[in-house]
C-alpha atoms as a PDB file:
ATOM      1  CA  MET A   1       1.876  14.867  -2.400  1.00  0.00           C
ATOM      2  CA  ALA A   2       4.949  13.505  -0.648  1.00  0.00           C
ATOM      3  CA  GLY A   3       8.406  12.558  -1.742  1.00  0.00           C
ATOM      4  CA  SER A   4      11.734  11.525  -0.393  1.00  0.00           C
ATOM      5  CA  GLY A   5      14.697   9.790  -1.875  1.00  0.00           C
ATOM      6  CA  ARG A   6      13.935   7.760  -4.967  1.00  0.00           C
ATOM      7  CA  VAL A   7      10.139   7.676  -4.753  1.00  0.00           C
ATOM      8  CA  GLY A   8       7.200   9.906  -4.042  1.00  0.00           C
ATOM      9  CA  LEU A   9       3.470   9.513  -3.527  1.00  0.00           C
ATOM     10  CA  ARG A  10       0.775  11.284  -5.506  1.00  0.00           C
ATOM     11  CA  GLU A  11      -2.921  11.055  -6.226  1.00  0.00           C
ATOM     12  CA  PHE A  12      -3.931   8.793  -9.103  1.00  0.00           C
ATOM     13  CA  THR A  13      -5.409  10.176 -12.321  1.00  0.00           C
ATOM     14  CA  LEU A  14      -7.354   8.393 -15.043  1.00  0.00           C
ATOM     15  CA  GLY A  15      -4.299   8.915 -17.242  1.00  0.00           C
ATOM     16  CA  ASP A  16      -2.427   6.371 -15.118  1.00  0.00           C
ATOM     17  CA  LEU A  17      -4.257   3.443 -16.712  1.00  0.00           C
ATOM     18  CA  GLU A  18      -1.430   2.026 -18.821  1.00  0.00           C
ATOM     19  CA  ALA A  19       1.191   2.383 -16.088  1.00  0.00           C
ATOM     20  CA  ALA A  20      -1.103   0.965 -13.384  1.00  0.00           C
ATOM     21  CA  GLN A  21      -1.974  -2.005 -15.577  1.00  0.00           C
ATOM     22  CA  GLN A  22       1.720  -2.926 -15.740  1.00  0.00           C
ATOM     23  CA  TYR A  23       1.665  -4.018 -12.088  1.00  0.00           C
ATOM     24  CA  ALA A  24      -2.065  -4.690 -11.600  1.00  0.00           C
ATOM     25  CA  GLY A  25      -2.165  -7.120 -14.518  1.00  0.00           C
ATOM     26  CA  ASP A  26       1.006  -8.991 -13.551  1.00  0.00           C
ATOM     27  CA  PRO A  27       0.237 -12.420 -12.014  1.00  0.00           C
ATOM     28  CA  GLU A  28       3.560 -12.462 -10.167  1.00  0.00           C
ATOM     29  CA  VAL A  29       2.982  -9.023  -8.611  1.00  0.00           C
ATOM     30  CA  THR A  30      -0.515  -9.998  -7.453  1.00  0.00           C
ATOM     31  CA  ARG A  31       0.479 -13.513  -6.383  1.00  0.00           C
ATOM     32  CA  TYR A  32      -0.197 -12.929  -2.668  1.00  0.00           C
ATOM     33  CA  LEU A  33      -2.948 -10.328  -3.013  1.00  0.00           C
ATOM     34  CA  ALA A  34      -6.710 -10.721  -2.693  1.00  0.00           C
ATOM     35  CA  TRP A  35      -7.141  -9.022  -6.079  1.00  0.00           C
ATOM     36  CA  GLY A  36      -5.640  -9.411  -9.524  1.00  0.00           C
ATOM     37  CA  PRO A  37      -4.251  -9.995 -11.886  1.00  0.00           C
ATOM     38  CA  SER A  38      -6.562  -7.281 -13.119  1.00  0.00           C
ATOM     39  CA  GLN A  39      -8.033  -6.825 -16.540  1.00  0.00           C
ATOM     40  CA  ILE A  40      -7.777  -3.318 -17.989  1.00  0.00           C
ATOM     41  CA  ALA A  41     -11.432  -2.561 -17.157  1.00  0.00           C
ATOM     42  CA  GLU A  42     -10.838  -3.492 -13.509  1.00  0.00           C
ATOM     43  CA  THR A  43      -7.787  -1.248 -13.328  1.00  0.00           C
ATOM     44  CA  TYR A  44      -9.780   1.601 -14.861  1.00  0.00           C
ATOM     45  CA  ALA A  45     -12.593   1.060 -12.312  1.00  0.00           C
ATOM     46  CA  PHE A  46      -9.993   1.189  -9.526  1.00  0.00           C
ATOM     47  CA  LEU A  47      -8.626   4.472 -10.883  1.00  0.00           C
ATOM     48  CA  GLU A  48     -12.138   5.929 -11.141  1.00  0.00           C
ATOM     49  CA  MET A  49     -12.808   4.959  -7.516  1.00  0.00           C
ATOM     50  CA  SER A  50      -9.458   6.381  -6.389  1.00  0.00           C
ATOM     51  CA  VAL A  51     -10.013   9.705  -8.152  1.00  0.00           C
ATOM     52  CA  ALA A  52     -13.557   9.982  -6.741  1.00  0.00           C
ATOM     53  CA  GLY A  53     -12.211   9.142  -3.274  1.00  0.00           C
ATOM     54  CA  ILE A  54     -10.008  12.239  -3.308  1.00  0.00           C
ATOM     55  CA  TYR A  55     -13.132  14.329  -2.844  1.00  0.00           C
ATOM     56  CA  ALA A  56     -14.859  12.172  -0.217  1.00  0.00           C
ATOM     57  CA  LEU A  57     -15.639  13.968   3.032  1.00  0.00           C
ATOM     58  CA  PRO A  58     -14.525  12.696   5.386  1.00  0.00           C
ATOM     59  CA  ARG A  59     -11.832  10.927   3.426  1.00  0.00           C
ATOM     60  CA  SER A  60     -11.275   7.403   4.674  1.00  0.00           C
ATOM     61  CA  LEU A  61      -9.159   5.916   1.891  1.00  0.00           C
ATOM     62  CA  TYR A  62      -5.924   7.208   0.455  1.00  0.00           C
ATOM     63  CA  ASP A  63      -5.090   5.271  -2.713  1.00  0.00           C
ATOM     64  CA  LEU A  64      -1.888   6.834  -3.956  1.00  0.00           C
ATOM     65  CA  GLY A  65       0.500   6.217  -6.789  1.00  0.00           C
ATOM     66  CA  ILE A  66       4.130   5.425  -6.034  1.00  0.00           C
ATOM     67  CA  VAL A  67       6.235   7.361  -8.523  1.00  0.00           C
ATOM     68  CA  SER A  68       9.911   7.499  -9.367  1.00  0.00           C
ATOM     69  CA  SER A  69      11.348  10.806  -8.132  1.00  0.00           C
ATOM     70  CA  GLU A  70      13.740  10.801 -11.059  1.00  0.00           C
ATOM     71  CA  THR A  71      11.290  10.183 -13.904  1.00  0.00           C
ATOM     72  CA  GLY A  72       7.835  10.797 -12.412  1.00  0.00           C
ATOM     73  CA  GLN A  73       6.864   7.354 -13.737  1.00  0.00           C
ATOM     74  CA  LEU A  74       4.127   5.468 -11.855  1.00  0.00           C
ATOM     75  CA  ILE A  75       5.691   2.253 -10.496  1.00  0.00           C
ATOM     76  CA  GLY A  76       3.239   1.099  -7.839  1.00  0.00           C
ATOM     77  CA  ALA A  77       0.473   1.931  -5.421  1.00  0.00           C
ATOM     78  CA  LEU A  78       0.115   2.557  -1.710  1.00  0.00           C
ATOM     79  CA  LYS A  79      -3.061   2.659   0.340  1.00  0.00           C
ATOM     80  CA  LEU A  80      -3.935   3.956   3.755  1.00  0.00           C
ATOM     81  CA  HIS A  81      -7.410   2.807   4.725  1.00  0.00           C
ATOM     82  CA  LEU A  82      -8.530   4.778   7.745  1.00  0.00           C
ATOM     83  CA  GLY A  83     -10.685   3.258  10.445  1.00  0.00           C
ATOM     84  CA  PRO A  84     -13.276   5.115  12.526  1.00  0.00           C
ATOM     85  CA  PRO A  85     -12.031   8.664  13.251  1.00  0.00           C
ATOM     86  CA  GLN A  86     -12.064   8.191  17.021  1.00  0.00           C
ATOM     87  CA  GLN A  87      -9.665   5.225  16.682  1.00  0.00           C
ATOM     88  CA  LYS A  88      -7.022   7.267  14.796  1.00  0.00           C
ATOM     89  CA  GLY A  89      -5.800   4.198  12.938  1.00  0.00           C
ATOM     90  CA  ALA A  90      -5.289   2.935   9.423  1.00  0.00           C
ATOM     91  CA  GLU A  91      -4.257  -0.105   7.439  1.00  0.00           C
ATOM     92  CA  LEU A  92      -1.262   0.223   5.121  1.00  0.00           C
ATOM     93  CA  GLY A  93      -0.821  -1.688   1.877  1.00  0.00           C
ATOM     94  CA  TYR A  94       1.442  -1.386  -1.141  1.00  0.00           C
ATOM     95  CA  VAL A  95       2.292  -2.954  -4.465  1.00  0.00           C
ATOM     96  CA  VAL A  96       5.323  -2.278  -6.671  1.00  0.00           C
ATOM     97  CA  ARG A  97       5.969  -3.136 -10.301  1.00  0.00           C
ATOM     98  CA  ARG A  98       8.074  -6.281 -10.594  1.00  0.00           C
ATOM     99  CA  ASP A  99      11.029  -4.653 -12.392  1.00  0.00           C
ATOM    100  CA  PHE A 100      11.476  -2.438  -9.305  1.00  0.00           C
ATOM    101  CA  TRP A 101      11.583  -5.304  -6.783  1.00  0.00           C
ATOM    102  CA  GLY A 102      14.672  -5.809  -4.642  1.00  0.00           C
ATOM    103  CA  GLN A 103      15.682  -2.141  -4.788  1.00  0.00           C
ATOM    104  CA  GLY A 104      14.158  -0.882  -1.538  1.00  0.00           C
ATOM    105  CA  ILE A 105      11.333   0.905  -3.365  1.00  0.00           C
ATOM    106  CA  ALA A 106       8.558  -0.710  -1.306  1.00  0.00           C
ATOM    107  CA  THR A 107      10.409   0.180   1.896  1.00  0.00           C
ATOM    108  CA  GLU A 108      10.763   3.832   0.869  1.00  0.00           C
ATOM    109  CA  ALA A 109       7.110   3.982  -0.153  1.00  0.00           C
ATOM    110  CA  ALA A 110       5.960   2.361   3.100  1.00  0.00           C
ATOM    111  CA  ARG A 111       7.990   4.944   5.057  1.00  0.00           C
ATOM    112  CA  LEU A 112       6.228   7.692   3.130  1.00  0.00           C
ATOM    113  CA  GLY A 113       2.897   6.062   3.939  1.00  0.00           C
ATOM    114  CA  LEU A 114       3.761   6.051   7.644  1.00  0.00           C
ATOM    115  CA  GLU A 115       4.842   9.687   7.417  1.00  0.00           C
ATOM    116  CA  LEU A 116       1.547  10.611   5.776  1.00  0.00           C
ATOM    117  CA  GLY A 117      -0.393   8.700   8.404  1.00  0.00           C
ATOM    118  CA  PHE A 118       1.395   9.968  11.476  1.00  0.00           C
ATOM    119  CA  GLN A 119       2.485  13.477  10.469  1.00  0.00           C
ATOM    120  CA  GLY A 120      -0.098  14.342   7.856  1.00  0.00           C
ATOM    121  CA  LEU A 121      -3.192  12.693   9.305  1.00  0.00           C
ATOM    122  CA  GLY A 122      -2.354  12.589  13.019  1.00  0.00           C
ATOM    123  CA  LEU A 123      -2.887   8.845  13.357  1.00  0.00           C
ATOM    124  CA  HIS A 124      -2.011   6.861  16.475  1.00  0.00           C
ATOM    125  CA  ARG A 125      -1.642   3.355  15.001  1.00  0.00           C
ATOM    126  CA  ILE A 126      -1.002   1.911  11.547  1.00  0.00           C
ATOM    127  CA  SER A 127      -1.356  -1.787  10.840  1.00  0.00           C
ATOM    128  CA  ALA A 128      -0.513  -3.987   7.865  1.00  0.00           C
ATOM    129  CA  PHE A 129      -1.076  -7.596   6.888  1.00  0.00           C
ATOM    130  CA  CYS A 130       0.807  -9.894   4.550  1.00  0.00           C
ATOM    131  CA  SER A 131       0.555 -13.517   3.558  1.00  0.00           C
ATOM    132  CA  THR A 132       2.832 -15.799   5.540  1.00  0.00           C
ATOM    133  CA  GLN A 133       4.139 -16.905   2.134  1.00  0.00           C
ATOM    134  CA  ASN A 134       5.237 -13.355   1.224  1.00  0.00           C
ATOM    135  CA  GLY A 135       8.509 -13.046   3.123  1.00  0.00           C
ATOM    136  CA  ALA A 136       9.624 -10.003   1.116  1.00  0.00           C
ATOM    137  CA  SER A 137       6.627  -7.971   2.256  1.00  0.00           C
ATOM    138  CA  GLY A 138       7.142  -9.034   5.866  1.00  0.00           C
ATOM    139  CA  ARG A 139      10.744  -7.816   5.673  1.00  0.00           C
ATOM    140  CA  VAL A 140       9.574  -4.452   4.300  1.00  0.00           C
ATOM    141  CA  LEU A 141       7.217  -4.020   7.244  1.00  0.00           C
ATOM    142  CA  GLU A 142       9.972  -4.873   9.716  1.00  0.00           C
ATOM    143  CA  LYS A 143      12.413  -2.459   8.008  1.00  0.00           C
ATOM    144  CA  VAL A 144       9.995   0.445   8.501  1.00  0.00           C
ATOM    145  CA  GLY A 145       9.725  -0.342  12.209  1.00  0.00           C
ATOM    146  CA  MET A 146       6.484  -2.278  12.315  1.00  0.00           C
ATOM    147  CA  ARG A 147       6.230  -5.105  14.827  1.00  0.00           C
ATOM    148  CA  GLN A 148       4.747  -8.473  14.075  1.00  0.00           C
ATOM    149  CA  GLU A 149       1.782  -8.822  16.416  1.00  0.00           C
ATOM    150  CA  GLY A 150       0.239 -12.088  15.422  1.00  0.00           C
ATOM    151  CA  LEU A 151      -0.922 -14.696  12.982  1.00  0.00           C
ATOM    152  CA  LEU A 152      -4.390 -14.628  11.466  1.00  0.00           C
ATOM    153  CA  ARG A 153      -5.360 -18.096  10.288  1.00  0.00           C
ATOM    154  CA  SER A 154      -7.194 -18.384   6.940  1.00  0.00           C
ATOM    155  CA  HIS A 155      -7.401 -14.599   6.906  1.00  0.00           C
ATOM    156  CA  LEU A 156      -7.278 -13.872   3.208  1.00  0.00           C
ATOM    157  CA  MET A 157      -8.753 -15.550   0.140  1.00  0.00           C
ATOM    158  CA  VAL A 158      -6.061 -15.390  -2.532  1.00  0.00           C
ATOM    159  CA  HIS A 159      -6.838 -16.834  -5.960  1.00  0.00           C
ATOM    160  CA  GLY A 160      -9.259 -19.370  -4.551  1.00  0.00           C
ATOM    161  CA  GLN A 161      -7.170 -20.488  -1.579  1.00  0.00           C
ATOM    162  CA  TRP A 162      -7.162 -19.339   2.027  1.00  0.00           C
ATOM    163  CA  HIS A 163      -3.905 -17.816   3.234  1.00  0.00           C
ATOM    164  CA  ASP A 164      -2.721 -17.178   6.741  1.00  0.00           C
ATOM    165  CA  SER A 165      -1.601 -13.591   7.320  1.00  0.00           C
ATOM    166  CA  LEU A 166       0.945 -11.990   9.578  1.00  0.00           C
ATOM    167  CA  ALA A 167      -0.320  -8.917  11.409  1.00  0.00           C
ATOM    168  CA  PHE A 168       2.067  -5.982  11.855  1.00  0.00           C
ATOM    169  CA  ALA A 169       1.588  -2.578  13.482  1.00  0.00           C
ATOM    170  CA  ILE A 170       3.421   0.513  14.600  1.00  0.00           C
ATOM    171  CA  LEU A 171       2.359   3.225  17.027  1.00  0.00           C
ATOM    172  CA  GLU A 172       2.921   6.935  16.619  1.00  0.00           C
ATOM    173  CA  ASP A 173       5.468   7.150  19.448  1.00  0.00           C
ATOM    174  CA  GLU A 174       7.426   4.174  18.047  1.00  0.00           C
ATOM    175  CA  TRP A 175       7.586   5.805  14.633  1.00  0.00           C
ATOM    176  CA  LYS A 176       8.956   9.045  16.071  1.00  0.00           C
ATOM    177  CA  SER A 177      11.807   7.331  17.921  1.00  0.00           C
END
């Protein structure tokens, strides 16, 4: 679908189960997420939903695999969840396998997600949220040009506990500059 540098984005397939389970089933990877760690059946259900979503009209959710440009190996996931069409906005999210942390992979993938949203889908605004405890994700969002817009108190239930979230966003004209 899209690629640049060390990573690319592509549609999921049901054959991605084993590779997707490597990050989806990892408690450390899902530490600040509202889902996971996932059992294999949950990961398979996610893949089924993602593959079915490819054909939805209108398409409102882009669940995409993050793949290594060098090996083609699935190493994470990126989502763009579109809002109402007249709002021309989406929410960005991503997850990367733990052995690829600290290498700029999430930043490259997030840039590709913004490119898809703004260039490919003609969006005006893309937002993202991360737990206040997940400093690494906040830094990724800042690196791709997103601005922190606020704090959402008790915004996300994570493993039985409420977490505050930081809200980030970027506008189309900010992304272009």
